[in-house]
């Protein structure tokens, strides 16, 4: 997904990112945050 890729890249470059989504996608957002943190990016 393009949005996921943009968030991952931006976070890796040191940008602050904000994730906004519907409640039905909350689990995917949590997985995305966990993946970014696992890559060593502090959020």
C-alpha atoms as a PDB file:
ATOM      1  CA  UNK A   1       0.000   0.000   0.000  1.00  0.00           C
ATOM      2  CA  UNK A   2       1.283   3.404  -0.938  1.00  0.00           C
ATOM      3  CA  UNK A   3       0.276   5.082   2.328  1.00  0.00           C
ATOM      4  CA  UNK A   4       2.085   2.462   4.395  1.00  0.00           C
ATOM      5  CA  UNK A   5       5.234   2.853   2.321  1.00  0.00           C
ATOM      6  CA  UNK A   6       5.165   6.635   2.672  1.00  0.00           C
ATOM      7  CA  UNK A   7       4.741   6.404   6.461  1.00  0.00           C
ATOM      8  CA  UNK A   8       7.555   3.860   6.813  1.00  0.00           C
ATOM      9  CA  UNK A   9       9.931   5.895   4.644  1.00  0.00           C
ATOM     10  CA  UNK A  10       9.076   9.195   6.313  1.00  0.00           C
ATOM     11  CA  UNK A  11       9.552   7.745   9.800  1.00  0.00           C
ATOM     12  CA  UNK A  12      12.880   6.206   8.783  1.00  0.00           C
ATOM     13  CA  UNK A  13      14.027   9.652   7.558  1.00  0.00           C
ATOM     14  CA  UNK A  14      13.236  11.178  10.961  1.00  0.00           C
ATOM     15  CA  UNK A  15       9.903  12.761  10.122  1.00  0.00           C
ATOM     16  CA  UNK A  16       7.138  12.783  12.664  1.00  0.00           C
ATOM     17  CA  UNK A  17       4.121  10.959  11.310  1.00  0.00           C
ATOM     18  CA  UNK A  18       0.511  10.832  12.413  1.00  0.00           C
ATOM     19  CA  UNK A  19      -1.688   7.856  11.610  1.00  0.00           C
ATOM     20  CA  UNK A  20      -5.377   8.529  11.195  1.00  0.00           C
ATOM     21  CA  UNK A  21      -7.794   5.834  10.165  1.00  0.00           C
ATOM     22  CA  UNK A  22     -11.135   4.281  10.857  1.00  0.00           C
ATOM     23  CA  UNK A  23     -11.646   2.061  13.897  1.00  0.00           C
ATOM     24  CA  UNK A  24     -12.021  -0.971  11.645  1.00  0.00           C
ATOM     25  CA  UNK A  25      -8.385  -0.556  10.597  1.00  0.00           C
ATOM     26  CA  UNK A  26      -6.950   0.020  14.089  1.00  0.00           C
ATOM     27  CA  UNK A  27      -5.182  -3.346  14.155  1.00  0.00           C
ATOM     28  CA  UNK A  28      -3.363  -2.585  10.903  1.00  0.00           C
ATOM     29  CA  UNK A  29      -2.248   0.764  12.312  1.00  0.00           C
ATOM     30  CA  UNK A  30      -0.922  -0.891  15.459  1.00  0.00           C
ATOM     31  CA  UNK A  31       0.993  -3.388  13.314  1.00  0.00           C
ATOM     32  CA  UNK A  32       2.469  -0.548  11.276  1.00  0.00           C
ATOM     33  CA  UNK A  33       3.646   1.275  14.411  1.00  0.00           C
ATOM     34  CA  UNK A  34       5.121  -1.943  15.824  1.00  0.00           C
ATOM     35  CA  UNK A  35       6.986  -2.572  12.567  1.00  0.00           C
ATOM     36  CA  UNK A  36       8.414   0.945  12.515  1.00  0.00           C
ATOM     37  CA  UNK A  37       9.556   0.615  16.130  1.00  0.00           C
ATOM     38  CA  UNK A  38      11.082  -2.789  15.367  1.00  0.00           C
ATOM     39  CA  UNK A  39      13.202  -1.058  12.710  1.00  0.00           C
ATOM     40  CA  UNK A  40      14.694   1.093  15.461  1.00  0.00           C
ATOM     41  CA  UNK A  41      12.693   4.263  14.822  1.00  0.00           C
ATOM     42  CA  UNK A  42      11.451   5.971  17.979  1.00  0.00           C
ATOM     43  CA  UNK A  43       7.886   7.203  17.886  1.00  0.00           C
END
